[in-house]
N, C-alpha and C. Protein backbone atom coordinates (compact mmCIF):
# COMPACT_ATOMS: atom_id res chain seq x y z
N MET A 1 22.59 -7.22 -14.60
CA MET A 1 21.97 -8.53 -14.65
C MET A 1 22.91 -9.54 -13.99
N ALA A 2 22.35 -10.41 -13.20
CA ALA A 2 23.15 -11.41 -12.48
C ALA A 2 23.67 -12.46 -13.45
N GLU A 3 24.79 -13.04 -13.08
CA GLU A 3 25.37 -14.11 -13.90
C GLU A 3 24.55 -15.38 -13.72
N PRO A 4 24.31 -16.13 -14.82
CA PRO A 4 23.53 -17.36 -14.72
C PRO A 4 24.15 -18.36 -13.74
N GLY A 5 25.48 -18.46 -13.72
CA GLY A 5 26.15 -19.38 -12.81
C GLY A 5 25.86 -19.07 -11.36
N ARG A 6 25.79 -17.79 -11.03
CA ARG A 6 25.48 -17.37 -9.66
C ARG A 6 24.06 -17.79 -9.30
N ASN A 7 23.14 -17.60 -10.22
CA ASN A 7 21.75 -18.00 -9.97
C ASN A 7 21.64 -19.51 -9.74
N VAL A 8 22.32 -20.28 -10.56
CA VAL A 8 22.30 -21.74 -10.42
C VAL A 8 22.88 -22.13 -9.07
N ASP A 9 23.98 -21.50 -8.68
CA ASP A 9 24.60 -21.78 -7.38
C ASP A 9 23.64 -21.46 -6.24
N MET A 10 22.98 -20.32 -6.31
CA MET A 10 22.03 -19.93 -5.25
C MET A 10 20.88 -20.94 -5.18
N LEU A 11 20.34 -21.30 -6.33
CA LEU A 11 19.24 -22.27 -6.35
C LEU A 11 19.70 -23.61 -5.81
N GLY A 12 20.92 -24.01 -6.13
CA GLY A 12 21.47 -25.27 -5.64
C GLY A 12 21.60 -25.30 -4.13
N ARG A 13 21.77 -24.14 -3.52
CA ARG A 13 21.87 -24.05 -2.06
C ARG A 13 20.51 -23.79 -1.41
N GLY A 14 19.45 -23.84 -2.23
CA GLY A 14 18.11 -23.64 -1.69
C GLY A 14 17.77 -22.19 -1.42
N LEU A 15 18.52 -21.28 -2.04
CA LEU A 15 18.28 -19.85 -1.85
C LEU A 15 17.69 -19.25 -3.12
N PRO A 16 16.83 -18.26 -2.98
CA PRO A 16 16.30 -17.62 -4.18
C PRO A 16 17.37 -16.72 -4.80
N PRO A 17 17.47 -16.73 -6.12
CA PRO A 17 18.42 -15.82 -6.76
C PRO A 17 17.90 -14.39 -6.65
N VAL A 18 18.70 -13.53 -6.08
CA VAL A 18 18.30 -12.15 -5.87
C VAL A 18 19.28 -11.24 -6.59
N ALA A 19 18.77 -10.41 -7.48
CA ALA A 19 19.63 -9.50 -8.23
C ALA A 19 20.00 -8.29 -7.39
N GLU A 20 19.06 -7.85 -6.58
CA GLU A 20 19.30 -6.64 -5.80
C GLU A 20 18.39 -6.67 -4.57
N ARG A 21 18.87 -6.11 -3.50
CA ARG A 21 18.08 -6.04 -2.28
C ARG A 21 18.33 -4.68 -1.65
N ARG A 22 17.25 -4.08 -1.14
CA ARG A 22 17.41 -2.83 -0.41
C ARG A 22 16.35 -2.75 0.66
N ARG A 23 16.63 -1.99 1.69
CA ARG A 23 15.70 -1.82 2.79
C ARG A 23 14.78 -0.64 2.48
N LEU A 24 13.46 -0.87 2.62
CA LEU A 24 12.50 0.20 2.38
C LEU A 24 12.52 1.20 3.53
N THR A 25 12.29 2.45 3.19
CA THR A 25 12.18 3.48 4.22
C THR A 25 10.83 3.35 4.92
N HIS A 26 10.69 4.02 6.03
CA HIS A 26 9.42 4.03 6.77
C HIS A 26 8.29 4.51 5.86
N GLU A 27 8.52 5.58 5.10
CA GLU A 27 7.50 6.13 4.21
C GLU A 27 7.14 5.15 3.09
N GLU A 28 8.12 4.44 2.57
CA GLU A 28 7.85 3.45 1.53
C GLU A 28 7.02 2.29 2.09
N ARG A 29 7.33 1.85 3.30
CA ARG A 29 6.55 0.77 3.93
C ARG A 29 5.12 1.23 4.18
N LEU A 30 4.96 2.47 4.65
CA LEU A 30 3.62 3.03 4.86
C LEU A 30 2.86 3.08 3.54
N GLY A 31 3.48 3.60 2.51
CA GLY A 31 2.83 3.67 1.20
C GLY A 31 2.41 2.30 0.69
N ASP A 32 3.28 1.32 0.84
CA ASP A 32 2.95 -0.05 0.43
C ASP A 32 1.76 -0.58 1.22
N ALA A 33 1.73 -0.31 2.52
CA ALA A 33 0.62 -0.78 3.36
C ALA A 33 -0.69 -0.13 2.93
N LEU A 34 -0.65 1.14 2.60
CA LEU A 34 -1.87 1.84 2.18
C LEU A 34 -2.33 1.35 0.81
N PHE A 35 -1.40 1.18 -0.12
CA PHE A 35 -1.75 0.66 -1.44
C PHE A 35 -2.36 -0.73 -1.33
N THR A 36 -1.69 -1.59 -0.58
CA THR A 36 -2.16 -2.96 -0.41
C THR A 36 -3.51 -2.99 0.29
N GLY A 37 -3.63 -2.20 1.35
CA GLY A 37 -4.88 -2.15 2.11
C GLY A 37 -6.06 -1.72 1.27
N LEU A 38 -5.87 -0.73 0.42
CA LEU A 38 -6.97 -0.27 -0.42
C LEU A 38 -7.39 -1.32 -1.44
N ARG A 39 -6.52 -2.20 -1.78
CA ARG A 39 -6.87 -3.26 -2.74
C ARG A 39 -7.72 -4.36 -2.10
N LEU A 40 -7.76 -4.39 -0.77
CA LEU A 40 -8.56 -5.38 -0.06
C LEU A 40 -10.02 -4.94 0.01
N VAL A 41 -10.94 -5.88 -0.01
CA VAL A 41 -12.36 -5.57 0.08
C VAL A 41 -12.67 -4.80 1.36
N ASP A 42 -12.03 -5.18 2.47
CA ASP A 42 -12.26 -4.50 3.76
C ASP A 42 -11.54 -3.17 3.87
N GLY A 43 -10.61 -2.90 2.99
CA GLY A 43 -9.89 -1.63 3.00
C GLY A 43 -8.83 -1.55 4.09
N ILE A 44 -8.55 -0.32 4.51
CA ILE A 44 -7.48 -0.02 5.47
C ILE A 44 -8.06 0.12 6.86
N ASP A 45 -7.50 -0.58 7.81
CA ASP A 45 -7.84 -0.41 9.23
C ASP A 45 -7.01 0.77 9.72
N LEU A 46 -7.65 1.91 9.91
CA LEU A 46 -6.93 3.15 10.24
C LEU A 46 -6.21 3.08 11.58
N GLU A 47 -6.79 2.41 12.55
CA GLU A 47 -6.14 2.28 13.85
C GLU A 47 -4.90 1.40 13.76
N GLN A 48 -4.99 0.36 12.98
CA GLN A 48 -3.83 -0.53 12.80
C GLN A 48 -2.68 0.23 12.13
N VAL A 49 -2.99 1.05 11.15
CA VAL A 49 -1.96 1.86 10.50
C VAL A 49 -1.35 2.83 11.51
N ARG A 50 -2.18 3.44 12.33
CA ARG A 50 -1.68 4.39 13.34
C ARG A 50 -0.73 3.68 14.30
N GLN A 51 -1.13 2.49 14.75
CA GLN A 51 -0.29 1.76 15.70
C GLN A 51 1.01 1.28 15.06
N ARG A 52 0.93 0.76 13.87
CA ARG A 52 2.11 0.18 13.22
C ARG A 52 3.08 1.24 12.67
N TYR A 53 2.53 2.32 12.10
CA TYR A 53 3.37 3.31 11.43
C TYR A 53 3.40 4.67 12.11
N GLY A 54 2.58 4.83 13.15
CA GLY A 54 2.55 6.10 13.86
C GLY A 54 1.96 7.23 13.04
N VAL A 55 1.06 6.89 12.12
CA VAL A 55 0.49 7.88 11.22
C VAL A 55 -1.03 7.85 11.30
N ASP A 56 -1.62 9.02 11.51
CA ASP A 56 -3.07 9.18 11.43
C ASP A 56 -3.37 9.47 9.96
N VAL A 57 -3.89 8.48 9.26
CA VAL A 57 -4.11 8.59 7.82
C VAL A 57 -5.00 9.78 7.48
N MET A 58 -6.07 9.97 8.22
CA MET A 58 -7.00 11.05 7.90
C MET A 58 -6.39 12.42 8.21
N ALA A 59 -5.57 12.50 9.24
CA ALA A 59 -4.92 13.78 9.55
C ALA A 59 -3.91 14.13 8.45
N ARG A 60 -3.20 13.13 7.96
CA ARG A 60 -2.17 13.39 6.96
C ARG A 60 -2.75 13.55 5.55
N TYR A 61 -3.70 12.69 5.19
CA TYR A 61 -4.18 12.67 3.81
C TYR A 61 -5.64 13.10 3.65
N GLY A 62 -6.33 13.36 4.76
CA GLY A 62 -7.76 13.61 4.73
C GLY A 62 -8.20 14.67 3.73
N GLU A 63 -7.51 15.80 3.72
CA GLU A 63 -7.89 16.88 2.81
C GLU A 63 -7.82 16.43 1.35
N ALA A 64 -6.80 15.68 1.02
CA ALA A 64 -6.64 15.19 -0.35
C ALA A 64 -7.65 14.10 -0.69
N LEU A 65 -8.17 13.41 0.35
CA LEU A 65 -9.13 12.32 0.12
C LEU A 65 -10.57 12.81 0.02
N VAL A 66 -10.83 14.04 0.45
CA VAL A 66 -12.21 14.57 0.45
C VAL A 66 -12.89 14.40 -0.90
N PRO A 67 -12.26 14.78 -2.02
CA PRO A 67 -12.96 14.61 -3.31
C PRO A 67 -13.35 13.16 -3.60
N PHE A 68 -12.53 12.22 -3.17
CA PHE A 68 -12.82 10.80 -3.41
C PHE A 68 -13.95 10.32 -2.50
N LEU A 69 -13.98 10.83 -1.28
CA LEU A 69 -15.06 10.50 -0.35
C LEU A 69 -16.37 11.10 -0.85
N GLU A 70 -16.33 12.38 -1.21
CA GLU A 70 -17.54 13.06 -1.69
C GLU A 70 -17.99 12.53 -3.05
N GLY A 71 -17.05 12.07 -3.85
CA GLY A 71 -17.39 11.54 -5.17
C GLY A 71 -17.87 10.10 -5.16
N GLY A 72 -17.87 9.49 -3.97
CA GLY A 72 -18.35 8.13 -3.88
C GLY A 72 -17.34 7.07 -4.27
N TRP A 73 -16.06 7.43 -4.32
CA TRP A 73 -15.02 6.47 -4.65
C TRP A 73 -14.49 5.77 -3.41
N LEU A 74 -14.56 6.46 -2.28
CA LEU A 74 -14.09 5.94 -1.00
C LEU A 74 -15.19 6.03 0.03
N VAL A 75 -15.13 5.14 1.02
CA VAL A 75 -16.05 5.16 2.16
C VAL A 75 -15.21 5.07 3.42
N LEU A 76 -15.55 5.91 4.39
CA LEU A 76 -14.93 5.87 5.71
C LEU A 76 -16.01 5.38 6.66
N GLN A 77 -15.82 4.16 7.19
CA GLN A 77 -16.87 3.53 8.00
C GLN A 77 -16.24 2.59 9.01
N ALA A 78 -16.67 2.71 10.25
CA ALA A 78 -16.23 1.82 11.33
C ALA A 78 -14.70 1.74 11.43
N GLY A 79 -14.04 2.88 11.28
CA GLY A 79 -12.59 2.91 11.44
C GLY A 79 -11.81 2.35 10.27
N ARG A 80 -12.50 2.18 9.15
CA ARG A 80 -11.84 1.63 7.96
C ARG A 80 -12.07 2.57 6.78
N LEU A 81 -11.08 2.63 5.93
CA LEU A 81 -11.17 3.39 4.69
C LEU A 81 -11.10 2.38 3.56
N ARG A 82 -12.14 2.37 2.72
CA ARG A 82 -12.15 1.37 1.64
C ARG A 82 -12.68 1.98 0.35
N LEU A 83 -12.29 1.37 -0.73
CA LEU A 83 -12.79 1.76 -2.04
C LEU A 83 -14.21 1.24 -2.21
N THR A 84 -15.05 2.02 -2.86
CA THR A 84 -16.37 1.54 -3.26
C THR A 84 -16.20 0.75 -4.56
N ARG A 85 -17.28 0.16 -5.01
CA ARG A 85 -17.22 -0.56 -6.29
C ARG A 85 -16.79 0.41 -7.40
N ARG A 86 -17.35 1.60 -7.38
CA ARG A 86 -16.97 2.63 -8.35
C ARG A 86 -15.50 3.01 -8.19
N GLY A 87 -15.07 3.13 -6.94
CA GLY A 87 -13.69 3.50 -6.66
C GLY A 87 -12.69 2.46 -7.11
N MET A 88 -13.10 1.19 -7.10
CA MET A 88 -12.20 0.12 -7.54
C MET A 88 -11.82 0.29 -9.01
N LEU A 89 -12.73 0.86 -9.78
CA LEU A 89 -12.45 1.08 -11.20
C LEU A 89 -11.42 2.20 -11.40
N LEU A 90 -11.30 3.07 -10.41
CA LEU A 90 -10.40 4.22 -10.49
C LEU A 90 -9.38 4.21 -9.36
N ALA A 91 -9.02 3.03 -8.91
CA ALA A 91 -8.16 2.87 -7.73
C ALA A 91 -6.83 3.61 -7.86
N ASN A 92 -6.24 3.62 -9.05
CA ASN A 92 -4.93 4.27 -9.20
C ASN A 92 -5.01 5.76 -8.94
N GLU A 93 -6.12 6.38 -9.29
CA GLU A 93 -6.31 7.81 -9.01
C GLU A 93 -6.30 8.05 -7.50
N VAL A 94 -7.03 7.22 -6.78
CA VAL A 94 -7.11 7.36 -5.32
C VAL A 94 -5.75 7.08 -4.70
N MET A 95 -5.10 6.02 -5.13
CA MET A 95 -3.82 5.62 -4.54
C MET A 95 -2.72 6.64 -4.80
N GLY A 96 -2.87 7.43 -5.85
CA GLY A 96 -1.90 8.48 -6.13
C GLY A 96 -1.82 9.50 -5.01
N THR A 97 -2.85 9.58 -4.19
CA THR A 97 -2.86 10.48 -3.03
C THR A 97 -1.76 10.13 -2.05
N PHE A 98 -1.43 8.86 -1.95
CA PHE A 98 -0.48 8.39 -0.94
C PHE A 98 0.97 8.41 -1.43
N VAL A 99 1.20 8.88 -2.63
CA VAL A 99 2.56 8.91 -3.17
C VAL A 99 3.23 10.22 -2.81
């Protein structure tokens, strides 16, 4: 835990008090992007993920996503992967695929 005096000093200099900082790996950034994207109504733009992270989501995770697609939890449409209304209720199950 950071010392209170250090936090006050940081705030006084207009800086946020930070207890710890680390750089995310490429895989962690990809996972965060997929988790965040699925939480959006529009879902994940698969081409954007491919361009930004060099990963074809369906090639890497497609087999694991089939039950969610067939079960009506996910929809693949117009280059986007998104949760259905039903899938939103079970989002953590779907997102576990990307861990």
